[in-house]
Amino acid sequence: MIDDRSPALTSEDALLCHPEKPQRRFRPAPGNVAGRWNGDPTLESSGPIAWASDSWISSFGISYNTMNTDFGGGEVWNPGNARYRHNGLGCNVAFVDGSVQTFFLNPRKVVKGSGAQTFIHTDFKRSMLQTKWPSLGLKDSGTD
């Protein structure tokens, strides 16, 4: 459920868990023109992973008021998501080559949205989760 660009209580729009939209899970396909996502930072490969503001999560009226929670009492918001719990809102991320990097959450910088429904900035980029587009079998669905 990492990178959910439409947080809600009864649905999700996590970009990496929708097989019917492979263009979300892979780096831009060969031949894709710049601007495939029309400058939408919640879709662009170069954009930060979608991270809903605490005010957005609080607006649901649930027992926790941030996406930055750990399991407790059998509840967690967005299982499998990043957690910014180290070194002043840092998230330690391990990569397949064995390296580990710390990426930071910046709650004072809005990426997209208005009012309570805002996404905040993180150094953790979507492209870090996306793999190379496969050479056979999958095509861009043409929908976001």
N, C-alpha and C. Protein backbone atom coordinates (compact mmCIF):
# COMPACT_ATOMS: atom_id res chain seq x y z
N MET A 1 0.81 -1.20 0.00
CA MET A 1 0.00 0.00 0.00
C MET A 1 0.86 1.26 0.00
N ILE A 2 2.12 1.13 -0.34
CA ILE A 2 2.97 2.31 -0.41
C ILE A 2 2.55 3.16 -1.61
N ASP A 3 2.66 4.46 -1.49
CA ASP A 3 2.39 5.39 -2.58
C ASP A 3 0.90 5.46 -2.94
N ASP A 4 0.05 5.60 -1.92
CA ASP A 4 -1.40 5.69 -2.12
C ASP A 4 -1.79 7.15 -2.35
N ARG A 5 -2.22 7.46 -3.57
CA ARG A 5 -2.52 8.86 -3.91
C ARG A 5 -3.96 9.27 -3.66
N SER A 6 -4.78 8.36 -3.12
CA SER A 6 -6.16 8.69 -2.77
C SER A 6 -6.53 8.04 -1.45
N PRO A 7 -5.89 8.46 -0.35
CA PRO A 7 -6.19 7.80 0.92
C PRO A 7 -7.65 7.96 1.31
N ALA A 8 -8.25 6.85 1.72
CA ALA A 8 -9.65 6.82 2.14
C ALA A 8 -9.83 5.61 3.06
N LEU A 9 -10.94 5.58 3.77
CA LEU A 9 -11.18 4.46 4.69
C LEU A 9 -11.58 3.18 3.98
N THR A 10 -12.26 3.29 2.85
CA THR A 10 -12.81 2.09 2.21
C THR A 10 -12.19 1.75 0.87
N SER A 11 -11.18 2.49 0.44
CA SER A 11 -10.56 2.21 -0.85
C SER A 11 -9.11 2.68 -0.82
N GLU A 12 -8.40 2.38 -1.88
CA GLU A 12 -7.02 2.84 -2.01
C GLU A 12 -6.71 3.04 -3.49
N ASP A 13 -5.65 3.76 -3.75
CA ASP A 13 -5.18 3.96 -5.11
C ASP A 13 -3.65 3.89 -5.10
N ALA A 14 -3.13 2.90 -4.38
CA ALA A 14 -1.69 2.73 -4.31
C ALA A 14 -1.16 2.41 -5.70
N LEU A 15 -0.17 3.14 -6.13
CA LEU A 15 0.26 3.06 -7.52
C LEU A 15 0.90 1.74 -7.90
N LEU A 16 1.48 1.03 -6.96
CA LEU A 16 2.22 -0.17 -7.32
C LEU A 16 1.41 -1.46 -7.21
N CYS A 17 0.17 -1.40 -6.78
CA CYS A 17 -0.58 -2.64 -6.58
C CYS A 17 -1.79 -2.78 -7.51
N HIS A 18 -1.71 -2.21 -8.69
CA HIS A 18 -2.79 -2.32 -9.66
C HIS A 18 -2.25 -2.91 -10.97
N PRO A 19 -2.31 -4.24 -11.11
CA PRO A 19 -1.76 -4.87 -12.32
C PRO A 19 -2.42 -4.42 -13.61
N GLU A 20 -3.64 -3.90 -13.52
CA GLU A 20 -4.32 -3.43 -14.73
C GLU A 20 -3.76 -2.10 -15.23
N LYS A 21 -2.87 -1.50 -14.45
CA LYS A 21 -2.23 -0.24 -14.82
C LYS A 21 -0.71 -0.38 -14.68
N PRO A 22 -0.09 -1.17 -15.54
CA PRO A 22 1.35 -1.45 -15.38
C PRO A 22 2.24 -0.22 -15.49
N GLN A 23 1.78 0.82 -16.17
CA GLN A 23 2.59 2.02 -16.32
C GLN A 23 2.92 2.67 -14.97
N ARG A 24 2.16 2.34 -13.94
CA ARG A 24 2.44 2.87 -12.61
C ARG A 24 3.59 2.13 -11.93
N ARG A 25 3.77 0.88 -12.25
CA ARG A 25 4.75 0.05 -11.54
C ARG A 25 6.14 0.08 -12.16
N PHE A 26 6.23 0.58 -13.38
CA PHE A 26 7.51 0.56 -14.08
C PHE A 26 7.96 1.97 -14.43
N ARG A 27 9.26 2.12 -14.60
CA ARG A 27 9.78 3.40 -15.08
C ARG A 27 9.14 3.68 -16.44
N PRO A 28 9.15 4.91 -16.91
CA PRO A 28 8.51 5.20 -18.19
C PRO A 28 8.94 4.25 -19.31
N ALA A 29 7.95 3.79 -20.05
CA ALA A 29 8.21 2.85 -21.14
C ALA A 29 8.97 3.54 -22.26
N PRO A 30 9.78 2.78 -22.98
CA PRO A 30 10.47 3.37 -24.14
C PRO A 30 9.45 4.00 -25.08
N GLY A 31 9.74 5.18 -25.56
CA GLY A 31 8.84 5.86 -26.48
C GLY A 31 7.81 6.74 -25.80
N ASN A 32 7.67 6.63 -24.47
CA ASN A 32 6.74 7.53 -23.77
C ASN A 32 7.26 8.95 -23.88
N VAL A 33 6.41 9.84 -24.22
CA VAL A 33 6.82 11.23 -24.34
C VAL A 33 6.89 11.86 -22.96
N ALA A 34 7.72 12.86 -22.83
CA ALA A 34 7.78 13.60 -21.56
C ALA A 34 6.40 14.17 -21.29
N GLY A 35 6.00 14.17 -20.06
CA GLY A 35 4.70 14.72 -19.72
C GLY A 35 3.59 13.70 -19.73
N ARG A 36 3.90 12.42 -19.70
CA ARG A 36 2.86 11.37 -19.68
C ARG A 36 1.86 11.64 -18.57
N TRP A 37 2.33 12.14 -17.45
CA TRP A 37 1.46 12.38 -16.31
C TRP A 37 1.07 13.85 -16.18
N ASN A 38 1.35 14.65 -17.19
CA ASN A 38 0.93 16.05 -17.21
C ASN A 38 1.37 16.83 -15.98
N GLY A 39 2.56 16.55 -15.49
CA GLY A 39 3.11 17.29 -14.38
C GLY A 39 2.51 16.94 -13.02
N ASP A 40 1.78 15.84 -12.92
CA ASP A 40 1.17 15.44 -11.65
C ASP A 40 2.23 14.75 -10.79
N PRO A 41 2.68 15.38 -9.69
CA PRO A 41 3.73 14.79 -8.88
C PRO A 41 3.30 13.52 -8.16
N THR A 42 2.00 13.22 -8.10
CA THR A 42 1.57 11.97 -7.47
C THR A 42 1.59 10.80 -8.45
N LEU A 43 1.99 11.05 -9.69
CA LEU A 43 2.12 9.99 -10.69
C LEU A 43 3.51 9.93 -11.33
N GLU A 44 4.17 11.05 -11.47
CA GLU A 44 5.47 11.09 -12.15
C GLU A 44 6.50 10.21 -11.46
N SER A 45 7.31 9.53 -12.25
CA SER A 45 8.37 8.69 -11.70
C SER A 45 9.36 9.51 -10.87
N SER A 46 9.59 10.73 -11.27
CA SER A 46 10.56 11.57 -10.56
C SER A 46 9.99 12.22 -9.31
N GLY A 47 8.69 12.06 -9.08
CA GLY A 47 8.05 12.68 -7.91
C GLY A 47 8.22 11.86 -6.65
N PRO A 48 7.94 12.48 -5.51
CA PRO A 48 8.02 11.76 -4.24
C PRO A 48 6.84 10.80 -4.09
N ILE A 49 7.04 9.74 -3.30
CA ILE A 49 5.90 8.85 -3.06
C ILE A 49 4.79 9.66 -2.40
N ALA A 50 3.55 9.31 -2.67
CA ALA A 50 2.42 10.05 -2.12
C ALA A 50 2.37 9.84 -0.61
N TRP A 51 2.36 10.95 0.12
CA TRP A 51 2.32 10.91 1.58
C TRP A 51 1.27 11.92 2.04
N ALA A 52 0.12 11.42 2.50
CA ALA A 52 -0.97 12.29 2.93
C ALA A 52 -0.59 13.01 4.21
N SER A 53 -1.00 14.27 4.30
CA SER A 53 -0.72 15.07 5.49
C SER A 53 -1.47 14.52 6.69
N ASP A 54 -0.97 14.83 7.88
CA ASP A 54 -1.63 14.41 9.11
C ASP A 54 -3.05 14.96 9.19
N SER A 55 -3.25 16.19 8.69
CA SER A 55 -4.60 16.76 8.74
C SER A 55 -5.57 15.97 7.86
N TRP A 56 -5.10 15.41 6.76
CA TRP A 56 -5.95 14.59 5.90
C TRP A 56 -6.36 13.32 6.64
N ILE A 57 -5.38 12.64 7.23
CA ILE A 57 -5.67 11.39 7.95
C ILE A 57 -6.58 11.68 9.15
N SER A 58 -6.33 12.77 9.86
CA SER A 58 -7.17 13.13 11.02
C SER A 58 -8.62 13.36 10.62
N SER A 59 -8.84 13.82 9.40
CA SER A 59 -10.20 14.12 8.95
C SER A 59 -11.08 12.87 8.84
N PHE A 60 -10.47 11.67 8.86
CA PHE A 60 -11.24 10.43 8.77
C PHE A 60 -11.90 10.06 10.09
N GLY A 61 -11.44 10.65 11.19
CA GLY A 61 -12.02 10.35 12.50
C GLY A 61 -11.70 8.95 12.98
N ILE A 62 -10.51 8.46 12.67
CA ILE A 62 -10.10 7.12 13.10
C ILE A 62 -9.19 7.24 14.32
N SER A 63 -8.77 6.10 14.88
CA SER A 63 -8.04 6.11 16.14
C SER A 63 -6.61 6.61 16.03
N TYR A 64 -6.10 6.80 14.87
CA TYR A 64 -4.76 7.39 14.71
C TYR A 64 -4.87 8.54 13.73
N ASN A 65 -3.97 9.49 13.85
CA ASN A 65 -4.11 10.72 13.07
C ASN A 65 -2.92 11.02 12.18
N THR A 66 -2.18 9.97 11.82
CA THR A 66 -1.04 10.14 10.94
C THR A 66 -0.78 8.84 10.19
N MET A 67 -0.20 8.95 8.99
CA MET A 67 0.23 7.74 8.27
C MET A 67 1.49 7.18 8.89
N ASN A 68 2.15 7.94 9.71
CA ASN A 68 3.43 7.55 10.28
C ASN A 68 3.25 6.77 11.58
N THR A 69 2.41 5.73 11.54
CA THR A 69 2.14 4.92 12.73
C THR A 69 2.74 3.53 12.56
N ASP A 70 3.03 2.92 13.68
CA ASP A 70 3.43 1.52 13.69
C ASP A 70 2.24 0.69 14.12
N PHE A 71 2.33 -0.63 13.95
CA PHE A 71 1.25 -1.51 14.40
C PHE A 71 1.03 -1.33 15.90
N GLY A 72 -0.19 -1.24 16.29
CA GLY A 72 -0.52 -1.12 17.71
C GLY A 72 -2.00 -1.41 17.89
N GLY A 73 -2.33 -2.35 18.76
CA GLY A 73 -3.74 -2.68 18.98
C GLY A 73 -4.39 -3.29 17.76
N GLY A 74 -3.59 -3.89 16.88
CA GLY A 74 -4.14 -4.54 15.69
C GLY A 74 -4.50 -3.59 14.57
N GLU A 75 -4.14 -2.31 14.68
CA GLU A 75 -4.48 -1.34 13.64
C GLU A 75 -3.21 -0.68 13.11
N VAL A 76 -3.21 -0.39 11.84
CA VAL A 76 -2.15 0.41 11.23
C VAL A 76 -2.72 1.05 9.97
N TRP A 77 -2.33 2.26 9.72
CA TRP A 77 -2.75 2.91 8.49
C TRP A 77 -1.78 2.53 7.38
N ASN A 78 -2.28 2.09 6.26
CA ASN A 78 -1.47 1.77 5.08
C ASN A 78 -0.38 0.75 5.38
N PRO A 79 -0.73 -0.52 5.58
CA PRO A 79 0.30 -1.53 5.81
C PRO A 79 1.27 -1.58 4.64
N GLY A 80 2.53 -1.75 4.92
CA GLY A 80 3.56 -1.83 3.88
C GLY A 80 4.10 -0.49 3.45
N ASN A 81 3.60 0.59 4.04
CA ASN A 81 4.06 1.91 3.66
C ASN A 81 5.36 2.25 4.38
N ALA A 82 6.03 3.27 3.90
CA ALA A 82 7.23 3.78 4.55
C ALA A 82 6.86 4.32 5.93
N ARG A 83 7.80 4.31 6.84
CA ARG A 83 7.62 4.90 8.17
C ARG A 83 8.82 5.80 8.44
N TYR A 84 8.53 7.04 8.75
CA TYR A 84 9.58 8.04 8.99
C TYR A 84 9.80 8.17 10.49
N ARG A 85 10.59 7.24 11.05
CA ARG A 85 10.75 7.12 12.48
C ARG A 85 12.18 7.33 12.96
N HIS A 86 13.13 7.58 12.08
CA HIS A 86 14.55 7.66 12.45
C HIS A 86 15.14 9.03 12.16
N ASN A 87 16.09 9.43 12.97
CA ASN A 87 16.91 10.60 12.70
C ASN A 87 16.10 11.84 12.30
N GLY A 88 15.07 12.18 13.03
CA GLY A 88 14.29 13.37 12.71
C GLY A 88 13.44 13.20 11.47
N LEU A 89 12.48 12.31 11.51
CA LEU A 89 11.57 11.99 10.40
C LEU A 89 12.31 11.37 9.21
N GLY A 90 13.23 10.48 9.50
CA GLY A 90 13.95 9.74 8.47
C GLY A 90 13.39 8.34 8.30
N CYS A 91 13.43 7.85 7.07
CA CYS A 91 13.00 6.48 6.74
C CYS A 91 14.20 5.76 6.15
N ASN A 92 14.66 4.72 6.82
CA ASN A 92 15.79 3.94 6.31
C ASN A 92 15.27 2.95 5.28
N VAL A 93 15.84 3.01 4.07
CA VAL A 93 15.39 2.18 2.96
C VAL A 93 16.56 1.31 2.50
N ALA A 94 16.34 0.00 2.47
CA ALA A 94 17.35 -0.95 2.00
C ALA A 94 17.11 -1.23 0.51
N PHE A 95 18.18 -1.22 -0.26
CA PHE A 95 18.10 -1.48 -1.69
C PHE A 95 18.66 -2.86 -2.01
N VAL A 96 18.31 -3.37 -3.17
CA VAL A 96 18.69 -4.72 -3.56
C VAL A 96 20.22 -4.90 -3.63
N ASP A 97 20.97 -3.83 -3.85
CA ASP A 97 22.43 -3.94 -3.91
C ASP A 97 23.06 -4.00 -2.51
N GLY A 98 22.21 -3.97 -1.47
CA GLY A 98 22.70 -4.05 -0.10
C GLY A 98 22.92 -2.70 0.57
N SER A 99 22.81 -1.63 -0.18
CA SER A 99 22.99 -0.29 0.41
C SER A 99 21.73 0.12 1.17
N VAL A 100 21.91 1.03 2.10
CA VAL A 100 20.80 1.59 2.86
C VAL A 100 20.93 3.10 2.82
N GLN A 101 19.81 3.77 2.54
CA GLN A 101 19.80 5.23 2.54
C GLN A 101 18.66 5.72 3.43
N THR A 102 18.84 6.88 4.01
CA THR A 102 17.79 7.50 4.81
C THR A 102 17.16 8.63 4.00
N PHE A 103 15.83 8.56 3.88
CA PHE A 103 15.07 9.59 3.19
C PHE A 103 14.20 10.31 4.22
N PHE A 104 14.02 11.60 4.03
CA PHE A 104 13.34 12.40 5.04
C PHE A 104 11.99 12.91 4.57
N LEU A 105 11.09 13.06 5.53
CA LEU A 105 9.77 13.62 5.35
C LEU A 105 9.86 15.11 5.70
N ASN A 106 9.23 15.95 4.89
CA ASN A 106 9.24 17.39 5.16
C ASN A 106 7.80 17.88 5.30
N PRO A 107 7.23 17.79 6.51
CA PRO A 107 5.82 18.14 6.71
C PRO A 107 5.48 19.60 6.40
N ARG A 108 6.47 20.45 6.26
CA ARG A 108 6.19 21.86 5.98
C ARG A 108 6.11 22.17 4.48
N LYS A 109 6.36 21.18 3.63
CA LYS A 109 6.37 21.42 2.18
C LYS A 109 5.24 20.61 1.52
N VAL A 110 4.28 21.30 0.94
CA VAL A 110 3.15 20.66 0.27
C VAL A 110 3.54 20.32 -1.16
N VAL A 111 3.22 19.10 -1.58
CA VAL A 111 3.50 18.65 -2.95
C VAL A 111 2.29 18.90 -3.84
N LYS A 112 1.10 18.60 -3.33
CA LYS A 112 -0.12 18.75 -4.13
C LYS A 112 -1.32 18.75 -3.19
N GLY A 113 -2.38 19.42 -3.60
CA GLY A 113 -3.62 19.42 -2.84
C GLY A 113 -3.87 20.76 -2.17
N SER A 114 -5.00 20.83 -1.48
CA SER A 114 -5.34 22.06 -0.76
C SER A 114 -6.15 21.70 0.47
N GLY A 115 -6.26 22.67 1.38
CA GLY A 115 -6.98 22.43 2.62
C GLY A 115 -6.35 21.28 3.39
N ALA A 116 -7.19 20.44 3.98
CA ALA A 116 -6.68 19.27 4.71
C ALA A 116 -6.13 18.22 3.76
N GLN A 117 -6.64 18.17 2.54
CA GLN A 117 -6.24 17.12 1.60
C GLN A 117 -4.98 17.51 0.83
N THR A 118 -3.86 17.40 1.51
CA THR A 118 -2.59 17.72 0.89
C THR A 118 -1.62 16.56 1.02
N PHE A 119 -0.74 16.45 0.04
CA PHE A 119 0.38 15.52 0.10
C PHE A 119 1.60 16.32 0.49
N ILE A 120 2.42 15.74 1.34
CA ILE A 120 3.61 16.45 1.77
C ILE A 120 4.86 15.83 1.17
N HIS A 121 5.92 16.58 1.15
CA HIS A 121 7.14 16.19 0.46
C HIS A 121 7.96 15.16 1.24
N THR A 122 8.55 14.26 0.50
CA THR A 122 9.50 13.29 1.04
C THR A 122 10.62 13.12 0.02
N ASP A 123 11.81 12.79 0.50
CA ASP A 123 12.95 12.52 -0.39
C ASP A 123 12.82 11.17 -1.09
N PHE A 124 11.91 10.33 -0.64
CA PHE A 124 11.72 8.98 -1.18
C PHE A 124 10.97 9.11 -2.51
N LYS A 125 11.66 8.88 -3.61
CA LYS A 125 11.09 9.07 -4.95
C LYS A 125 10.43 7.79 -5.46
N ARG A 126 9.37 7.97 -6.21
CA ARG A 126 8.63 6.86 -6.81
C ARG A 126 9.54 5.99 -7.70
N SER A 127 10.46 6.61 -8.41
CA SER A 127 11.35 5.87 -9.31
C SER A 127 12.19 4.83 -8.56
N MET A 128 12.39 5.04 -7.26
CA MET A 128 13.16 4.08 -6.47
C MET A 128 12.40 2.78 -6.25
N LEU A 129 11.11 2.80 -6.48
CA LEU A 129 10.28 1.60 -6.34
C LEU A 129 9.98 0.95 -7.68
N GLN A 130 10.15 1.69 -8.75
CA GLN A 130 9.79 1.19 -10.07
C GLN A 130 10.96 0.44 -10.71
N THR A 131 10.62 -0.61 -11.43
CA THR A 131 11.64 -1.38 -12.14
C THR A 131 11.60 -1.05 -13.63
N LYS A 132 12.55 -1.60 -14.35
CA LYS A 132 12.63 -1.39 -15.80
C LYS A 132 11.40 -2.00 -16.46
N TRP A 133 10.88 -1.31 -17.46
CA TRP A 133 9.72 -1.80 -18.21
C TRP A 133 10.09 -3.10 -18.91
N PRO A 134 9.26 -4.16 -18.76
CA PRO A 134 9.58 -5.43 -19.41
C PRO A 134 9.51 -5.30 -20.93
N SER A 135 10.31 -6.10 -21.61
CA SER A 135 10.37 -5.99 -23.07
C SER A 135 9.19 -6.65 -23.77
N LEU A 136 8.52 -7.57 -23.11
CA LEU A 136 7.40 -8.28 -23.75
C LEU A 136 6.17 -8.32 -22.85
N GLY A 137 5.02 -8.32 -23.45
CA GLY A 137 3.80 -8.68 -22.76
C GLY A 137 2.96 -7.58 -22.13
N LEU A 138 3.53 -6.51 -21.66
CA LEU A 138 2.72 -5.49 -20.99
C LEU A 138 2.68 -4.22 -21.81
N LYS A 139 1.54 -3.54 -21.74
CA LYS A 139 1.38 -2.27 -22.43
C LYS A 139 0.77 -1.26 -21.48
N ASP A 140 1.05 0.00 -21.70
CA ASP A 140 0.46 1.09 -20.96
C ASP A 140 -1.05 1.02 -21.17
N SER A 141 -1.83 1.03 -20.10
CA SER A 141 -3.28 0.91 -20.20
C SER A 141 -3.94 2.18 -20.76
N GLY A 142 -3.19 3.29 -20.75
CA GLY A 142 -3.73 4.54 -21.24
C GLY A 142 -4.59 5.28 -20.24
N THR A 143 -4.75 4.71 -19.05
CA THR A 143 -5.50 5.39 -17.99
C THR A 143 -4.54 5.66 -16.83
N ASP A 144 -4.93 6.60 -15.98
CA ASP A 144 -4.09 6.90 -14.83
C ASP A 144 -4.53 6.05 -13.67
